[in-house]
Structures are given as C-alpha cells and as structure tokens.
Amino acid sequence: MPADRSGPPVTAFMLVKTTPEWLAMTVAERVQAFTTHVLPAIEARTRGVRSRFYDTEFYSARVTDIWVWEADDHDAYRLLIDALRETPFWDRYFEVVELLVGTENGYAHTYGLKPLATVAT
C-alpha cells in the first residue's frame, strides 16, 4: 500500500544541555532572553510548529532538558531548525546533544494499519 503523502506531523525530540552562560542568568533574565531573542525568530520564520519542554537534569547529567517540537510537515521543521540556529538558543544557551526526529505511528500510515499503542482510559 502506498504511503500517505500528507502523513502525520513531524515530531523532534531535541535533547539539550544547558550552558554556563544560561545557568549564570537569573530566572527573570532567562525568560527575558528567550522571549526577546528566541521566540521572535521562531514566530517570524516558521508556521505550524508547537513545542513542549521537559526538565531532566535531576535524572541525567548528559541531557538537562528535552524540547519536544511538533511541526506540521518537514518543511516547517526545517524552518524551525534554521530559525533556532540563528539565535543564541543554539550553542550559546543550550548545547544540542541529539535530535531524534520521527513521525508518530509512521509504520501504521505506511501500511494502512491502526496504530499499535496504548491509550489511557
């Protein structure tokens, strides 16, 4: 069965580690830096992108945070990464340790199957 070309959104798990520059800021300075330097670049250069943020530093020394980015398609994801790389987010405030990118239930879309996943009831 041919793959559905519209497909599911692209999800990226961006594993990052905070830098000394980021940690040297107060919480208010971090919020100010993010809302002044990072968010405007994302909003100006992307569309169809959403994010969630997870703290992990109390469980991992290698990765302090995970940003989960969901983009409507691969082009929107590419624009997001291009936008982030033009801001202090990338390699100044955070070291991007790893990017894990996929589509939710991609196999199911490819083969015309129902997803094999658990659902909370």
PDB file of N, CA and C in Angstrom:
ATOM      1  N   MET A   1       0.857  -1.186   0.000  1.00  0.00           N
ATOM      2  CA  MET A   1       0.000   0.000   0.000  1.00  0.00           C
ATOM      3  C   MET A   1       0.895   1.239   0.000  1.00  0.00           C
ATOM      4  N   PRO A   2       0.655   2.225  -0.848  1.00  0.00           N
ATOM      5  CA  PRO A   2       1.493   3.415  -0.899  1.00  0.00           C
ATOM      6  C   PRO A   2       1.357   4.262   0.360  1.00  0.00           C
ATOM      7  N   ALA A   3       2.433   4.956   0.687  1.00  0.00           N
ATOM      8  CA  ALA A   3       2.434   5.820   1.876  1.00  0.00           C
ATOM      9  C   ALA A   3       1.542   7.028   1.643  1.00  0.00           C
ATOM     10  N   ASP A   4       0.885   7.464   2.698  1.00  0.00           N
ATOM     11  CA  ASP A   4       0.074   8.673   2.678  1.00  0.00           C
ATOM     12  C   ASP A   4       1.023   9.868   2.655  1.00  0.00           C
ATOM     13  N   ARG A   5       1.033  10.651   1.601  1.00  0.00           N
ATOM     14  CA  ARG A   5       1.983  11.749   1.453  1.00  0.00           C
ATOM     15  C   ARG A   5       1.680  12.922   2.379  1.00  0.00           C
ATOM     16  N   SER A   6       0.420  13.084   2.795  1.00  0.00           N
ATOM     17  CA  SER A   6       0.143  14.166   3.737  1.00  0.00           C
ATOM     18  C   SER A   6       0.721  13.813   5.092  1.00  0.00           C
ATOM     19  N   GLY A   7       0.591  12.559   5.465  1.00  0.00           N
ATOM     20  CA  GLY A   7       1.243  11.999   6.639  1.00  0.00           C
ATOM     21  C   GLY A   7       0.987  12.712   7.947  1.00  0.00           C
ATOM     22  N   PRO A   8       1.495  12.125   8.996  1.00  0.00           N
ATOM     23  CA  PRO A   8       1.374  12.725  10.321  1.00  0.00           C
ATOM     24  C   PRO A   8       2.396  13.841  10.494  1.00  0.00           C
ATOM     25  N   PRO A   9       2.228  14.652  11.515  1.00  0.00           N
ATOM     26  CA  PRO A   9       3.209  15.715  11.767  1.00  0.00           C
ATOM     27  C   PRO A   9       4.582  15.130  12.096  1.00  0.00           C
ATOM     28  N   VAL A  10       5.591  15.954  11.956  1.00  0.00           N
ATOM     29  CA  VAL A  10       6.957  15.581  12.308  1.00  0.00           C
ATOM     30  C   VAL A  10       7.161  15.928  13.778  1.00  0.00           C
ATOM     31  N   THR A  11       7.694  14.991  14.545  1.00  0.00           N
ATOM     32  CA  THR A  11       7.998  15.233  15.948  1.00  0.00           C
ATOM     33  C   THR A  11       9.494  15.108  16.141  1.00  0.00           C
ATOM     34  N   ALA A  12      10.076  16.095  16.807  1.00  0.00           N
ATOM     35  CA  ALA A  12      11.520  16.072  17.094  1.00  0.00           C
ATOM     36  C   ALA A  12      11.724  16.149  18.596  1.00  0.00           C
ATOM     37  N   PHE A  13      12.496  15.208  19.094  1.00  0.00           N
ATOM     38  CA  PHE A  13      12.913  15.224  20.483  1.00  0.00           C
ATOM     39  C   PHE A  13      14.318  15.824  20.480  1.00  0.00           C
ATOM     40  N   MET A  14      14.420  17.065  20.949  1.00  0.00           N
ATOM     41  CA  MET A  14      15.681  17.777  20.952  1.00  0.00           C
ATOM     42  C   MET A  14      16.278  17.669  22.355  1.00  0.00           C
ATOM     43  N   LEU A  15      17.318  16.869  22.478  1.00  0.00           N
ATOM     44  CA  LEU A  15      17.983  16.667  23.750  1.00  0.00           C
ATOM     45  C   LEU A  15      19.064  17.729  23.892  1.00  0.00           C
ATOM     46  N   VAL A  16      18.953  18.544  24.928  1.00  0.00           N
ATOM     47  CA  VAL A  16      19.880  19.656  25.101  1.00  0.00           C
ATOM     48  C   VAL A  16      20.513  19.640  26.486  1.00  0.00           C
ATOM     49  N   LYS A  17      21.628  20.338  26.577  1.00  0.00           N
ATOM     50  CA  LYS A  17      22.311  20.541  27.856  1.00  0.00           C
ATOM     51  C   LYS A  17      22.510  22.043  28.028  1.00  0.00           C
ATOM     52  N   THR A  18      22.123  22.558  29.181  1.00  0.00           N
ATOM     53  CA  THR A  18      22.280  23.987  29.448  1.00  0.00           C
ATOM     54  C   THR A  18      23.768  24.344  29.483  1.00  0.00           C
ATOM     55  N   THR A  19      24.065  25.566  29.083  1.00  0.00           N
ATOM     56  CA  THR A  19      25.446  26.047  29.084  1.00  0.00           C
ATOM     57  C   THR A  19      25.693  26.899  30.330  1.00  0.00           C
ATOM     58  N   PRO A  20      26.961  27.117  30.669  1.00  0.00           N
ATOM     59  CA  PRO A  20      27.251  28.002  31.801  1.00  0.00           C
ATOM     60  C   PRO A  20      26.669  29.403  31.618  1.00  0.00           C
ATOM     61  N   GLU A  21      26.635  29.903  30.376  1.00  0.00           N
ATOM     62  CA  GLU A  21      26.055  31.230  30.135  1.00  0.00           C
ATOM     63  C   GLU A  21      24.583  31.267  30.544  1.00  0.00           C
ATOM     64  N   TRP A  22      23.830  30.241  30.181  1.00  0.00           N
ATOM     65  CA  TRP A  22      22.404  30.171  30.533  1.00  0.00           C
ATOM     66  C   TRP A  22      22.232  30.059  32.048  1.00  0.00           C
ATOM     67  N   LEU A  23      23.021  29.215  32.667  1.00  0.00           N
ATOM     68  CA  LEU A  23      22.894  28.992  34.110  1.00  0.00           C
ATOM     69  C   LEU A  23      23.333  30.198  34.925  1.00  0.00           C
ATOM     70  N   ALA A  24      24.196  31.056  34.362  1.00  0.00           N
ATOM     71  CA  ALA A  24      24.645  32.250  35.075  1.00  0.00           C
ATOM     72  C   ALA A  24      23.549  33.315  35.148  1.00  0.00           C
ATOM     73  N   MET A  25      22.536  33.205  34.302  1.00  0.00           N
ATOM     74  CA  MET A  25      21.435  34.177  34.310  1.00  0.00           C
ATOM     75  C   MET A  25      20.457  33.869  35.431  1.00  0.00           C
ATOM     76  N   THR A  26      19.789  34.909  35.901  1.00  0.00           N
ATOM     77  CA  THR A  26      18.686  34.695  36.835  1.00  0.00           C
ATOM     78  C   THR A  26      17.501  34.135  36.043  1.00  0.00           C
ATOM     79  N   VAL A  27      16.507  33.656  36.736  1.00  0.00           N
ATOM     80  CA  VAL A  27      15.313  33.148  36.053  1.00  0.00           C
ATOM     81  C   VAL A  27      14.667  34.248  35.221  1.00  0.00           C
ATOM     82  N   ALA A  28      14.578  35.435  35.770  1.00  0.00           N
ATOM     83  CA  ALA A  28      13.987  36.559  35.022  1.00  0.00           C
ATOM     84  C   ALA A  28      14.802  36.870  33.767  1.00  0.00           C
ATOM     85  N   GLU A  29      16.125  36.814  33.860  1.00  0.00           N
ATOM     86  CA  GLU A  29      16.978  37.063  32.691  1.00  0.00           C
ATOM     87  C   GLU A  29      16.810  35.969  31.636  1.00  0.00           C
ATOM     88  N   ARG A  30      16.621  34.734  32.075  1.00  0.00           N
ATOM     89  CA  ARG A  30      16.396  33.628  31.126  1.00  0.00           C
ATOM     90  C   ARG A  30      15.088  33.827  30.368  1.00  0.00           C
ATOM     91  N   VAL A  31      14.035  34.175  31.087  1.00  0.00           N
ATOM     92  CA  VAL A  31      12.739  34.425  30.442  1.00  0.00           C
ATOM     93  C   VAL A  31      12.868  35.577  29.456  1.00  0.00           C
ATOM     94  N   GLN A  32      13.534  36.638  29.880  1.00  0.00           N
ATOM     95  CA  GLN A  32      13.737  37.802  29.011  1.00  0.00           C
ATOM     96  C   GLN A  32      14.539  37.417  27.769  1.00  0.00           C
ATOM     97  N   ALA A  33      15.613  36.659  27.937  1.00  0.00           N
ATOM     98  CA  ALA A  33      16.455  36.251  26.799  1.00  0.00           C
ATOM     99  C   ALA A  33      15.660  35.389  25.825  1.00  0.00           C
ATOM    100  N   PHE A  34      14.888  34.461  26.352  1.00  0.00           N
ATOM    101  CA  PHE A  34      14.128  33.563  25.490  1.00  0.00           C
ATOM    102  C   PHE A  34      13.037  34.321  24.738  1.00  0.00           C
ATOM    103  N   THR A  35      12.313  35.187  25.457  1.00  0.00           N
ATOM    104  CA  THR A  35      11.211  35.910  24.803  1.00  0.00           C
ATOM    105  C   THR A  35      11.710  37.024  23.885  1.00  0.00           C
ATOM    106  N   THR A  36      12.925  37.495  24.094  1.00  0.00           N
ATOM    107  CA  THR A  36      13.481  38.560  23.261  1.00  0.00           C
ATOM    108  C   THR A  36      14.251  38.027  22.057  1.00  0.00           C
ATOM    109  N   HIS A  37      15.032  36.972  22.252  1.00  0.00           N
ATOM    110  CA  HIS A  37      15.933  36.501  21.198  1.00  0.00           C
ATOM    111  C   HIS A  37      15.483  35.247  20.468  1.00  0.00           C
ATOM    112  N   VAL A  38      14.749  34.381  21.141  1.00  0.00           N
ATOM    113  CA  VAL A  38      14.421  33.089  20.542  1.00  0.00           C
ATOM    114  C   VAL A  38      13.004  33.075  19.972  1.00  0.00           C
ATOM    115  N   LEU A  39      12.017  33.370  20.785  1.00  0.00           N
ATOM    116  CA  LEU A  39      10.626  33.312  20.311  1.00  0.00           C
ATOM    117  C   LEU A  39      10.349  34.183  19.090  1.00  0.00           C
ATOM    118  N   PRO A  40      10.828  35.417  19.035  1.00  0.00           N
ATOM    119  CA  PRO A  40      10.552  36.224  17.839  1.00  0.00           C
ATOM    120  C   PRO A  40      11.113  35.596  16.555  1.00  0.00           C
ATOM    121  N   ALA A  41      12.270  34.962  16.640  1.00  0.00           N
ATOM    122  CA  ALA A  41      12.845  34.313  15.449  1.00  0.00           C
ATOM    123  C   ALA A  41      11.990  33.130  15.009  1.00  0.00           C
ATOM    124  N   ILE A  42      11.510  32.364  15.967  1.00  0.00           N
ATOM    125  CA  ILE A  42      10.642  31.225  15.641  1.00  0.00           C
ATOM    126  C   ILE A  42       9.347  31.727  15.014  1.00  0.00           C
ATOM    127  N   GLU A  43       8.735  32.728  15.634  1.00  0.00           N
ATOM    128  CA  GLU A  43       7.459  33.244  15.137  1.00  0.00           C
ATOM    129  C   GLU A  43       7.602  33.900  13.761  1.00  0.00           C
ATOM    130  N   ALA A  44       8.739  34.529  13.500  1.00  0.00           N
ATOM    131  CA  ALA A  44       8.932  35.217  12.223  1.00  0.00           C
ATOM    132  C   ALA A  44       9.250  34.265  11.074  1.00  0.00           C
ATOM    133  N   ARG A  45       9.866  33.126  11.372  1.00  0.00           N
ATOM    134  CA  ARG A  45      10.376  32.272  10.293  1.00  0.00           C
ATOM    135  C   ARG A  45       9.679  30.931  10.157  1.00  0.00           C
ATOM    136  N   THR A  46       8.738  30.625  11.053  1.00  0.00           N
ATOM    137  CA  THR A  46       8.096  29.313  10.986  1.00  0.00           C
ATOM    138  C   THR A  46       6.589  29.442  10.959  1.00  0.00           C
ATOM    139  N   ARG A  47       5.947  28.314  10.706  1.00  0.00           N
ATOM    140  CA  ARG A  47       4.492  28.199  10.773  1.00  0.00           C
ATOM    141  C   ARG A  47       4.192  26.744  11.142  1.00  0.00           C
ATOM    142  N   GLY A  48       3.099  26.525  11.799  1.00  0.00           N
ATOM    143  CA  GLY A  48       2.703  25.157  12.124  1.00  0.00           C
ATOM    144  C   GLY A  48       3.661  24.414  13.024  1.00  0.00           C
ATOM    145  N   VAL A  49       4.227  25.111  14.016  1.00  0.00           N
ATOM    146  CA  VAL A  49       5.181  24.494  14.936  1.00  0.00           C
ATOM    147  C   VAL A  49       4.710  24.709  16.373  1.00  0.00           C
ATOM    148  N   ARG A  50       4.770  23.654  17.158  1.00  0.00           N
ATOM    149  CA  ARG A  50       4.405  23.714  18.572  1.00  0.00           C
ATOM    150  C   ARG A  50       5.520  23.055  19.383  1.00  0.00           C
ATOM    151  N   SER A  51       5.627  23.403  20.672  1.00  0.00           N
ATOM    152  CA  SER A  51       6.671  22.783  21.489  1.00  0.00           C
ATOM    153  C   SER A  51       6.187  22.507  22.905  1.00  0.00           C
ATOM    154  N   ARG A  52       6.870  21.553  23.515  1.00  0.00           N
ATOM    155  CA  ARG A  52       6.699  21.236  24.939  1.00  0.00           C
ATOM    156  C   ARG A  52       8.102  21.100  25.518  1.00  0.00           C
ATOM    157  N   PHE A  53       8.230  21.297  26.803  1.00  0.00           N
ATOM    158  CA  PHE A  53       9.529  21.337  27.450  1.00  0.00           C
ATOM    159  C   PHE A  53       9.527  20.405  28.659  1.00  0.00           C
ATOM    160  N   TYR A  54      10.589  19.618  28.797  1.00  0.00           N
ATOM    161  CA  TYR A  54      10.717  18.691  29.922  1.00  0.00           C
ATOM    162  C   TYR A  54      12.065  18.888  30.602  1.00  0.00           C
ATOM    163  N   ASP A  55      12.051  19.065  31.919  1.00  0.00           N
ATOM    164  CA  ASP A  55      13.280  19.115  32.707  1.00  0.00           C
ATOM    165  C   ASP A  55      13.760  17.693  32.966  1.00  0.00           C
ATOM    166  N   THR A  56      15.030  17.449  32.751  1.00  0.00           N
ATOM    167  CA  THR A  56      15.573  16.105  33.010  1.00  0.00           C
ATOM    168  C   THR A  56      16.853  16.131  33.836  1.00  0.00           C
ATOM    169  N   GLU A  57      17.327  17.328  34.227  1.00  0.00           N
ATOM    170  CA  GLU A  57      18.627  17.400  34.886  1.00  0.00           C
ATOM    171  C   GLU A  57      18.699  16.662  36.209  1.00  0.00           C
ATOM    172  N   PHE A  58      17.563  16.400  36.818  1.00  0.00           N
ATOM    173  CA  PHE A  58      17.614  15.648  38.067  1.00  0.00           C
ATOM    174  C   PHE A  58      17.683  14.143  37.833  1.00  0.00           C
ATOM    175  N   TYR A  59      17.673  13.700  36.568  1.00  0.00           N
ATOM    176  CA  TYR A  59      17.818  12.287  36.225  1.00  0.00           C
ATOM    177  C   TYR A  59      19.004  12.007  35.316  1.00  0.00           C
ATOM    178  N   SER A  60      19.533  13.048  34.669  1.00  0.00           N
ATOM    179  CA  SER A  60      20.589  12.844  33.681  1.00  0.00           C
ATOM    180  C   SER A  60      21.609  13.963  33.767  1.00  0.00           C
ATOM    181  N   ALA A  61      22.883  13.614  33.703  1.00  0.00           N
ATOM    182  CA  ALA A  61      23.930  14.635  33.669  1.00  0.00           C
ATOM    183  C   ALA A  61      24.274  15.020  32.233  1.00  0.00           C
ATOM    184  N   ARG A  62      24.011  14.124  31.287  1.00  0.00           N
ATOM    185  CA  ARG A  62      24.356  14.373  29.886  1.00  0.00           C
ATOM    186  C   ARG A  62      23.355  15.304  29.214  1.00  0.00           C
ATOM    187  N   VAL A  63      22.074  15.151  29.539  1.00  0.00           N
ATOM    188  CA  VAL A  63      20.998  15.946  28.947  1.00  0.00           C
ATOM    189  C   VAL A  63      20.231  16.601  30.096  1.00  0.00           C
ATOM    190  N   THR A  64      20.113  17.926  30.062  1.00  0.00           N
ATOM    191  CA  THR A  64      19.410  18.618  31.144  1.00  0.00           C
ATOM    192  C   THR A  64      17.954  18.887  30.835  1.00  0.00           C
ATOM    193  N   ASP A  65      17.628  18.923  29.533  1.00  0.00           N
ATOM    194  CA  ASP A  65      16.259  19.252  29.132  1.00  0.00           C
ATOM    195  C   ASP A  65      15.938  18.570  27.815  1.00  0.00           C
ATOM    196  N   ILE A  66      14.645  18.339  27.599  1.00  0.00           N
ATOM    197  CA  ILE A  66      14.178  17.821  26.312  1.00  0.00           C
ATOM    198  C   ILE A  66      13.088  18.750  25.813  1.00  0.00           C
ATOM    199  N   TRP A  67      13.315  19.266  24.611  1.00  0.00           N
ATOM    200  CA  TRP A  67      12.295  20.064  23.925  1.00  0.00           C
ATOM    201  C   TRP A  67      11.629  19.131  22.927  1.00  0.00           C
ATOM    202  N   VAL A  68      10.332  19.027  22.996  1.00  0.00           N
ATOM    203  CA  VAL A  68       9.584  18.234  22.021  1.00  0.00           C
ATOM    204  C   VAL A  68       8.932  19.229  21.068  1.00  0.00           C
ATOM    205  N   TRP A  69       9.370  19.175  19.825  1.00  0.00           N
ATOM    206  CA  TRP A  69       8.855  20.074  18.791  1.00  0.00           C
ATOM    207  C   TRP A  69       7.970  19.274  17.855  1.00  0.00           C
ATOM    208  N   GLU A  70       6.801  19.768  17.581  1.00  0.00           N
ATOM    209  CA  GLU A  70       5.929  19.140  16.603  1.00  0.00           C
ATOM    210  C   GLU A  70       5.697  20.146  15.481  1.00  0.00           C
ATOM    211  N   ALA A  71       5.955  19.695  14.271  1.00  0.00           N
ATOM    212  CA  ALA A  71       5.786  20.551  13.101  1.00  0.00           C
ATOM    213  C   ALA A  71       4.789  19.898  12.157  1.00  0.00           C
ATOM    214  N   ASP A  72       4.021  20.717  11.468  1.00  0.00           N
ATOM    215  CA  ASP A  72       3.006  20.190  10.558  1.00  0.00           C
ATOM    216  C   ASP A  72       3.594  19.342   9.439  1.00  0.00           C
ATOM    217  N   ASP A  73       4.836  19.655   9.047  1.00  0.00           N
ATOM    218  CA  ASP A  73       5.484  18.896   7.965  1.00  0.00           C
ATOM    219  C   ASP A  73       6.994  19.107   8.040  1.00  0.00           C
ATOM    220  N   HIS A  74       7.721  18.433   7.155  1.00  0.00           N
ATOM    221  CA  HIS A  74       9.183  18.513   7.174  1.00  0.00           C
ATOM    222  C   HIS A  74       9.694  19.910   6.852  1.00  0.00           C
ATOM    223  N   ASP A  75       9.005  20.640   5.998  1.00  0.00           N
ATOM    224  CA  ASP A  75       9.425  21.991   5.677  1.00  0.00           C
ATOM    225  C   ASP A  75       9.308  22.889   6.903  1.00  0.00           C
ATOM    226  N   ALA A  76       8.229  22.775   7.648  1.00  0.00           N
ATOM    227  CA  ALA A  76       8.059  23.575   8.862  1.00  0.00           C
ATOM    228  C   ALA A  76       9.147  23.227   9.875  1.00  0.00           C
ATOM    229  N   TYR A  77       9.500  21.954   9.985  1.00  0.00           N
ATOM    230  CA  TYR A  77      10.570  21.539  10.894  1.00  0.00           C
ATOM    231  C   TYR A  77      11.915  22.129  10.452  1.00  0.00           C
ATOM    232  N   ARG A  78      12.209  22.079   9.174  1.00  0.00           N
ATOM    233  CA  ARG A  78      13.458  22.633   8.641  1.00  0.00           C
ATOM    234  C   ARG A  78      13.548  24.130   8.946  1.00  0.00           C
ATOM    235  N   LEU A  79      12.441  24.851   8.744  1.00  0.00           N
ATOM    236  CA  LEU A  79      12.417  26.282   9.034  1.00  0.00           C
ATOM    237  C   LEU A  79      12.641  26.552  10.520  1.00  0.00           C
ATOM    238  N   LEU A  80      12.097  25.702  11.370  1.00  0.00           N
ATOM    239  CA  LEU A  80      12.308  25.831  12.813  1.00  0.00           C
ATOM    240  C   LEU A  80      13.787  25.709  13.154  1.00  0.00           C
ATOM    241  N   ILE A  81      14.433  24.674  12.652  1.00  0.00           N
ATOM    242  CA  ILE A  81      15.850  24.460  12.957  1.00  0.00           C
ATOM    243  C   ILE A  81      16.679  25.617  12.407  1.00  0.00           C
ATOM    244  N   ASP A  82      16.383  26.049  11.194  1.00  0.00           N
ATOM    245  CA  ASP A  82      17.094  27.207  10.640  1.00  0.00           C
ATOM    246  C   ASP A  82      16.921  28.432  11.537  1.00  0.00           C
ATOM    247  N   ALA A  83      15.716  28.657  12.024  1.00  0.00           N
ATOM    248  CA  ALA A  83      15.453  29.809  12.897  1.00  0.00           C
ATOM    249  C   ALA A  83      16.219  29.684  14.210  1.00  0.00           C
ATOM    250  N   LEU A  84      16.187  28.507  14.832  1.00  0.00           N
ATOM    251  CA  LEU A  84      16.883  28.315  16.104  1.00  0.00           C
ATOM    252  C   LEU A  84      18.382  28.502  15.970  1.00  0.00           C
ATOM    253  N   ARG A  85      18.946  28.051  14.859  1.00  0.00           N
ATOM    254  CA  ARG A  85      20.394  28.165  14.654  1.00  0.00           C
ATOM    255  C   ARG A  85      20.848  29.618  14.513  1.00  0.00           C
ATOM    256  N   GLU A  86      19.924  30.508  14.210  1.00  0.00           N
ATOM    257  CA  GLU A  86      20.244  31.931  14.074  1.00  0.00           C
ATOM    258  C   GLU A  86      20.058  32.700  15.384  1.00  0.00           C
ATOM    259  N   THR A  87      19.787  31.981  16.464  1.00  0.00           N
ATOM    260  CA  THR A  87      19.565  32.621  17.759  1.00  0.00           C
ATOM    261  C   THR A  87      20.603  32.119  18.767  1.00  0.00           C
ATOM    262  N   PRO A  88      20.688  32.787  19.923  1.00  0.00           N
ATOM    263  CA  PRO A  88      21.597  32.309  20.977  1.00  0.00           C
ATOM    264  C   PRO A  88      21.165  30.971  21.586  1.00  0.00           C
ATOM    265  N   PHE A  89      19.924  30.518  21.283  1.00  0.00           N
ATOM    266  CA  PHE A  89      19.474  29.214  21.779  1.00  0.00           C
ATOM    267  C   PHE A  89      20.480  28.139  21.414  1.00  0.00           C
ATOM    268  N   TRP A  90      20.931  28.181  20.159  1.00  0.00           N
ATOM    269  CA  TRP A  90      21.758  27.120  19.582  1.00  0.00           C
ATOM    270  C   TRP A  90      23.222  27.373  19.927  1.00  0.00           C
ATOM    271  N   ASP A  91      23.766  26.577  20.810  1.00  0.00           N
ATOM    272  CA  ASP A  91      25.187  26.572  21.188  1.00  0.00           C
ATOM    273  C   ASP A  91      25.634  27.720  22.088  1.00  0.00           C
ATOM    274  N   ARG A  92      24.766  28.652  22.411  1.00  0.00           N
ATOM    275  CA  ARG A  92      25.114  29.650  23.433  1.00  0.00           C
ATOM    276  C   ARG A  92      24.378  29.347  24.719  1.00  0.00           C
ATOM    277  N   TYR A  93      23.040  29.249  24.629  1.00  0.00           N
ATOM    278  CA  TYR A  93      22.249  28.949  25.812  1.00  0.00           C
ATOM    279  C   TYR A  93      22.145  27.444  26.054  1.00  0.00           C
ATOM    280  N   PHE A  94      22.117  26.675  24.966  1.00  0.00           N
ATOM    281  CA  PHE A  94      21.988  25.223  25.055  1.00  0.00           C
ATOM    282  C   PHE A  94      22.927  24.555  24.068  1.00  0.00           C
ATOM    283  N   GLU A  95      23.495  23.450  24.486  1.00  0.00           N
ATOM    284  CA  GLU A  95      24.226  22.582  23.567  1.00  0.00           C
ATOM    285  C   GLU A  95      23.214  21.547  23.075  1.00  0.00           C
ATOM    286  N   VAL A  96      23.026  21.452  21.787  1.00  0.00           N
ATOM    287  CA  VAL A  96      22.116  20.453  21.238  1.00  0.00           C
ATOM    288  C   VAL A  96      22.882  19.137  21.212  1.00  0.00           C
ATOM    289  N   VAL A  97      22.496  18.219  22.094  1.00  0.00           N
ATOM    290  CA  VAL A  97      23.200  16.954  22.256  1.00  0.00           C
ATOM    291  C   VAL A  97      22.774  15.959  21.190  1.00  0.00           C
ATOM    292  N   GLU A  98      21.464  15.908  20.936  1.00  0.00           N
ATOM    293  CA  GLU A  98      20.962  14.954  19.947  1.00  0.00           C
ATOM    294  C   GLU A  98      19.583  15.372  19.482  1.00  0.00           C
ATOM    295  N   LEU A  99      19.296  15.068  18.226  1.00  0.00           N
ATOM    296  CA  LEU A  99      17.967  15.272  17.655  1.00  0.00           C
ATOM    297  C   LEU A  99      17.422  13.908  17.243  1.00  0.00           C
ATOM    298  N   LEU A 100      16.277  13.557  17.771  1.00  0.00           N
ATOM    299  CA  LEU A 100      15.585  12.327  17.388  1.00  0.00           C
ATOM    300  C   LEU A 100      14.289  12.747  16.717  1.00  0.00           C
ATOM    301  N   VAL A 101      14.205  12.536  15.414  1.00  0.00           N
ATOM    302  CA  VAL A 101      13.078  13.036  14.634  1.00  0.00           C
ATOM    303  C   VAL A 101      12.309  11.871  14.055  1.00  0.00           C
ATOM    304  N   GLY A 102      11.001  11.927  14.140  1.00  0.00           N
ATOM    305  CA  GLY A 102      10.174  10.877  13.569  1.00  0.00           C
ATOM    306  C   GLY A 102       8.754  11.345  13.355  1.00  0.00           C
ATOM    307  N   THR A 103       7.958  10.429  12.876  1.00  0.00           N
ATOM    308  CA  THR A 103       6.530  10.683  12.728  1.00  0.00           C
ATOM    309  C   THR A 103       5.793   9.651  13.558  1.00  0.00           C
ATOM    310  N   GLU A 104       4.823  10.106  14.308  1.00  0.00           N
ATOM    311  CA  GLU A 104       4.077   9.207  15.177  1.00  0.00           C
ATOM    312  C   GLU A 104       3.337   8.169  14.342  1.00  0.00           C
ATOM    313  N   ASN A 105       3.528   6.915  14.688  1.00  0.00           N
ATOM    314  CA  ASN A 105       2.859   5.796  14.021  1.00  0.00           C
ATOM    315  C   ASN A 105       3.120   5.770  12.512  1.00  0.00           C
ATOM    316  N   GLY A 106       4.330   6.110  12.123  1.00  0.00           N
ATOM    317  CA  GLY A 106       4.684   6.127  10.711  1.00  0.00           C
ATOM    318  C   GLY A 106       4.443   4.792  10.024  1.00  0.00           C
ATOM    319  N   TYR A 107       4.755   3.694  10.708  1.00  0.00           N
ATOM    320  CA  TYR A 107       4.535   2.362  10.136  1.00  0.00           C
ATOM    321  C   TYR A 107       3.059   2.138   9.831  1.00  0.00           C
ATOM    322  N   ALA A 108       2.188   2.615  10.726  1.00  0.00           N
ATOM    323  CA  ALA A 108       0.745   2.420  10.527  1.00  0.00           C
ATOM    324  C   ALA A 108       0.272   3.182   9.288  1.00  0.00           C
ATOM    325  N   HIS A 109       0.777   4.394   9.112  1.00  0.00           N
ATOM    326  CA  HIS A 109       0.412   5.175   7.922  1.00  0.00           C
ATOM    327  C   HIS A 109       0.942   4.509   6.656  1.00  0.00           C
ATOM    328  N   THR A 110       2.150   3.984   6.720  1.00  0.00           N
ATOM    329  CA  THR A 110       2.760   3.347   5.551  1.00  0.00           C
ATOM    330  C   THR A 110       1.972   2.120   5.106  1.00  0.00           C
ATOM    331  N   TYR A 111       1.533   1.314   6.080  1.00  0.00           N
ATOM    332  CA  TYR A 111       0.884   0.049   5.755  1.00  0.00           C
ATOM    333  C   TYR A 111      -0.632   0.053   5.915  1.00  0.00           C
ATOM    334  N   GLY A 112      -1.204   1.233   6.169  1.00  0.00           N
ATOM    335  CA  GLY A 112      -2.653   1.323   6.294  1.00  0.00           C
ATOM    336  C   GLY A 112      -3.198   0.580   7.509  1.00  0.00           C
ATOM    337  N   LEU A 113      -2.449   0.584   8.603  1.00  0.00           N
ATOM    338  CA  LEU A 113      -2.835  -0.125   9.823  1.00  0.00           C
ATOM    339  C   LEU A 113      -3.300   0.849  10.900  1.00  0.00           C
ATOM    340  N   LYS A 114      -3.994   0.311  11.883  1.00  0.00           N
ATOM    341  CA  LYS A 114      -4.294   1.090  13.069  1.00  0.00           C
ATOM    342  C   LYS A 114      -3.013   1.114  13.912  1.00  0.00           C
ATOM    343  N   PRO A 115      -2.764   2.213  14.604  1.00  0.00           N
ATOM    344  CA  PRO A 115      -1.572   2.294  15.455  1.00  0.00           C
ATOM    345  C   PRO A 115      -1.593   1.226  16.546  1.00  0.00           C
ATOM    346  N   LEU A 116      -0.436   0.674  16.805  1.00  0.00           N
ATOM    347  CA  LEU A 116      -0.273  -0.286  17.903  1.00  0.00           C
ATOM    348  C   LEU A 116       0.315   0.453  19.084  1.00  0.00           C
ATOM    349  N   ALA A 117      -0.533   1.096  19.857  1.00  0.00           N
ATOM    350  CA  ALA A 117      -0.080   1.893  21.001  1.00  0.00           C
ATOM    351  C   ALA A 117      -1.104   1.777  22.106  1.00  0.00           C
ATOM    352  N   THR A 118      -0.660   2.046  23.322  1.00  0.00           N
ATOM    353  CA  THR A 118      -1.583   2.037  24.441  1.00  0.00           C
ATOM    354  C   THR A 118      -2.217   3.400  24.589  1.00  0.00           C
ATOM    355  N   VAL A 119      -3.408   3.415  25.087  1.00  0.00           N
ATOM    356  CA  VAL A 119      -4.149   4.657  25.272  1.00  0.00           C
ATOM    357  C   VAL A 119      -4.704   4.644  26.691  1.00  0.00           C
ATOM    358  N   ALA A 120      -4.471   5.730  27.410  1.00  0.00           N
ATOM    359  CA  ALA A 120      -5.025   5.843  28.763  1.00  0.00           C
ATOM    360  C   ALA A 120      -6.533   5.976  28.690  1.00  0.00           C
ATOM    361  N   THR A 121      -7.221   5.270  29.546  1.00  0.00           N
ATOM    362  CA  THR A 121      -8.686   5.365  29.561  1.00  0.00           C
ATOM    363  C   THR A 121      -9.177   5.950  30.846  1.00  0.00           C
TER     364      THR A 121
END
